[in-house]
Amino acid sequence: MVENVVYPAYFDAELSRSEGRRVPTDLAVEAPTVDEIAKAVQQVGYDAVVERDATYSREFEPRGSVVVKGTEDTAKNDLVQAIAAYLGVLRE
C-alpha cells in the first residue's frame, strides 16, 4: 500500500515556495491544521492518519503531518492540489 505524507506547510499561504508551500497562493490557506487536512483528505476519498508530533524538514516547530493511504494511482502533486481545493471549501 502506497502512503504519501502531507504537511501543513504545503498549504500555508504565509510561506513561499522555497519555504515549503506546494500550491499556488490562490489555493493556499492561512495556518492550516492537520485536522483540516485530514478532513479534506477524507473528502477526496482517501484514508488519513494524523501524526501530531511530526515536523516538516524546513520548519523547526512540530505542526504534525497527515499520512494519506491508498494513493497507488495518484501522483503526489495531484493529491496535494485536490486537498488544497477542499481546504478552501472547508474554510468558507
C-alpha atoms as a PDB file:
ATOM      1  CA  MET A   1       0.000   0.000   0.000  1.00  0.00           C
ATOM      2  CA  VAL A   2       1.364   3.375  -1.031  1.00  0.00           C
ATOM      3  CA  GLU A   3       1.409   6.139   1.572  1.00  0.00           C
ATOM      4  CA  ASN A   4       2.025   9.833   0.992  1.00  0.00           C
ATOM      5  CA  VAL A   5       2.912  12.202   3.819  1.00  0.00           C
ATOM      6  CA  VAL A   6       1.378  15.670   3.619  1.00  0.00           C
ATOM      7  CA  TYR A   7       2.493  18.563   5.834  1.00  0.00           C
ATOM      8  CA  PRO A   8       0.594  21.773   6.707  1.00  0.00           C
ATOM      9  CA  ALA A   9       3.425  23.825   5.191  1.00  0.00           C
ATOM     10  CA  TYR A  10       2.366  22.596   1.731  1.00  0.00           C
ATOM     11  CA  PHE A  11      -0.846  24.658   2.041  1.00  0.00           C
ATOM     12  CA  ASP A  12       0.276  27.622   4.189  1.00  0.00           C
ATOM     13  CA  ALA A  13      -0.355  30.964   2.475  1.00  0.00           C
ATOM     14  CA  GLU A  14       2.217  32.697   4.677  1.00  0.00           C
ATOM     15  CA  LEU A  15       5.082  30.586   3.266  1.00  0.00           C
ATOM     16  CA  SER A  16       6.857  30.985  -0.052  1.00  0.00           C
ATOM     17  CA  ARG A  17       7.535  28.124  -2.438  1.00  0.00           C
ATOM     18  CA  SER A  18      11.144  27.973  -1.261  1.00  0.00           C
ATOM     19  CA  GLU A  19       9.914  27.699   2.332  1.00  0.00           C
ATOM     20  CA  GLY A  20       7.817  24.640   1.500  1.00  0.00           C
ATOM     21  CA  ARG A  21       4.467  25.723   0.052  1.00  0.00           C
ATOM     22  CA  ARG A  22       3.448  23.430  -2.828  1.00  0.00           C
ATOM     23  CA  VAL A  23       0.217  25.032  -4.014  1.00  0.00           C
ATOM     24  CA  PRO A  24      -0.483  28.373  -5.722  1.00  0.00           C
ATOM     25  CA  THR A  25      -1.353  31.246  -3.417  1.00  0.00           C
ATOM     26  CA  ASP A  26      -4.982  31.249  -4.585  1.00  0.00           C
ATOM     27  CA  LEU A  27      -5.371  27.681  -3.223  1.00  0.00           C
ATOM     28  CA  ALA A  28      -3.286  28.243  -0.075  1.00  0.00           C
ATOM     29  CA  VAL A  29      -4.935  28.957   3.285  1.00  0.00           C
ATOM     30  CA  GLU A  30      -3.703  30.746   6.375  1.00  0.00           C
ATOM     31  CA  ALA A  31      -2.310  28.463   9.131  1.00  0.00           C
ATOM     32  CA  PRO A  32      -3.803  25.112   8.045  1.00  0.00           C
ATOM     33  CA  THR A  33      -4.136  22.431  10.739  1.00  0.00           C
ATOM     34  CA  VAL A  34      -3.610  18.684  10.432  1.00  0.00           C
ATOM     35  CA  ASP A  35      -7.268  18.149  11.388  1.00  0.00           C
ATOM     36  CA  GLU A  36      -8.440  20.299   8.462  1.00  0.00           C
ATOM     37  CA  ILE A  37      -6.061  18.495   6.115  1.00  0.00           C
ATOM     38  CA  ALA A  38      -7.252  15.078   7.340  1.00  0.00           C
ATOM     39  CA  LYS A  39     -10.879  16.111   6.761  1.00  0.00           C
ATOM     40  CA  ALA A  40     -10.003  17.312   3.234  1.00  0.00           C
ATOM     41  CA  VAL A  41      -8.179  14.025   2.513  1.00  0.00           C
ATOM     42  CA  GLN A  42     -11.290  12.093   3.515  1.00  0.00           C
ATOM     43  CA  GLN A  43     -13.407  14.330   1.260  1.00  0.00           C
ATOM     44  CA  VAL A  44     -11.076  13.492  -1.635  1.00  0.00           C
ATOM     45  CA  GLY A  45     -11.698   9.809  -0.907  1.00  0.00           C
ATOM     46  CA  TYR A  46      -8.583   8.506   0.845  1.00  0.00           C
ATOM     47  CA  ASP A  47      -7.855   7.315   4.364  1.00  0.00           C
ATOM     48  CA  ALA A  48      -5.939   9.744   6.577  1.00  0.00           C
ATOM     49  CA  VAL A  49      -3.825   9.134   9.673  1.00  0.00           C
ATOM     50  CA  VAL A  50      -2.784  12.192  11.699  1.00  0.00           C
ATOM     51  CA  GLU A  51       0.706  12.262  13.207  1.00  0.00           C
ATOM     52  CA  ARG A  52       0.722  15.200  15.608  1.00  0.00           C
ATOM     53  CA  ASP A  53       4.397  15.107  16.607  1.00  0.00           C
ATOM     54  CA  ALA A  54       5.894  15.149  13.095  1.00  0.00           C
ATOM     55  CA  THR A  55       7.966  18.095  11.881  1.00  0.00           C
ATOM     56  CA  TYR A  56       8.452  19.169   8.275  1.00  0.00           C
ATOM     57  CA  SER A  57      12.136  19.281   7.374  1.00  0.00           C
ATOM     58  CA  ARG A  58      12.012  23.008   6.507  1.00  0.00           C
ATOM     59  CA  GLU A  59      10.376  24.010   9.792  1.00  0.00           C
ATOM     60  CA  PHE A  60      11.516  23.952  13.405  1.00  0.00           C
ATOM     61  CA  GLU A  61       8.217  23.707  15.260  1.00  0.00           C
ATOM     62  CA  PRO A  62       6.247  20.459  15.002  1.00  0.00           C
ATOM     63  CA  ARG A  63       2.866  21.090  13.344  1.00  0.00           C
ATOM     64  CA  GLY A  64       2.209  17.441  12.572  1.00  0.00           C
ATOM     65  CA  SER A  65       1.579  15.616   9.329  1.00  0.00           C
ATOM     66  CA  VAL A  66      -1.110  13.566   7.647  1.00  0.00           C
ATOM     67  CA  VAL A  67      -0.332  10.144   6.179  1.00  0.00           C
ATOM     68  CA  VAL A  68      -2.566   9.504   3.168  1.00  0.00           C
ATOM     69  CA  LYS A  69      -3.106   5.809   2.476  1.00  0.00           C
ATOM     70  CA  GLY A  70      -4.125   4.042  -0.714  1.00  0.00           C
ATOM     71  CA  THR A  71      -2.761   6.511  -3.274  1.00  0.00           C
ATOM     72  CA  GLU A  72      -1.285   3.998  -5.736  1.00  0.00           C
ATOM     73  CA  ASP A  73      -2.999   5.556  -8.749  1.00  0.00           C
ATOM     74  CA  THR A  74      -2.410   9.236  -7.872  1.00  0.00           C
ATOM     75  CA  ALA A  75       0.665  11.429  -8.228  1.00  0.00           C
ATOM     76  CA  LYS A  76       1.560  13.339  -5.062  1.00  0.00           C
ATOM     77  CA  ASN A  77       1.224  16.713  -6.783  1.00  0.00           C
ATOM     78  CA  ASP A  78      -2.312  15.864  -7.966  1.00  0.00           C
ATOM     79  CA  LEU A  79      -3.192  14.734  -4.446  1.00  0.00           C
ATOM     80  CA  VAL A  80      -1.845  17.951  -2.890  1.00  0.00           C
ATOM     81  CA  GLN A  81      -3.783  20.097  -5.392  1.00  0.00           C
ATOM     82  CA  ALA A  82      -7.035  18.219  -4.658  1.00  0.00           C
ATOM     83  CA  ILE A  83      -6.551  18.566  -0.896  1.00  0.00           C
ATOM     84  CA  ALA A  84      -5.871  22.288  -1.310  1.00  0.00           C
ATOM     85  CA  ALA A  85      -9.115  22.733  -3.238  1.00  0.00           C
ATOM     86  CA  TYR A  86     -11.099  21.103  -0.424  1.00  0.00           C
ATOM     87  CA  LEU A  87      -9.274  23.121   2.254  1.00  0.00           C
ATOM     88  CA  GLY A  88     -10.562  26.282   0.615  1.00  0.00           C
ATOM     89  CA  VAL A  89     -14.103  24.899   0.619  1.00  0.00           C
ATOM     90  CA  LEU A  90     -13.842  23.863   4.283  1.00  0.00           C
ATOM     91  CA  ARG A  91     -12.751  27.381   5.264  1.00  0.00           C
ATOM     92  CA  GLU A  92     -15.761  29.071   3.635  1.00  0.00           C
END
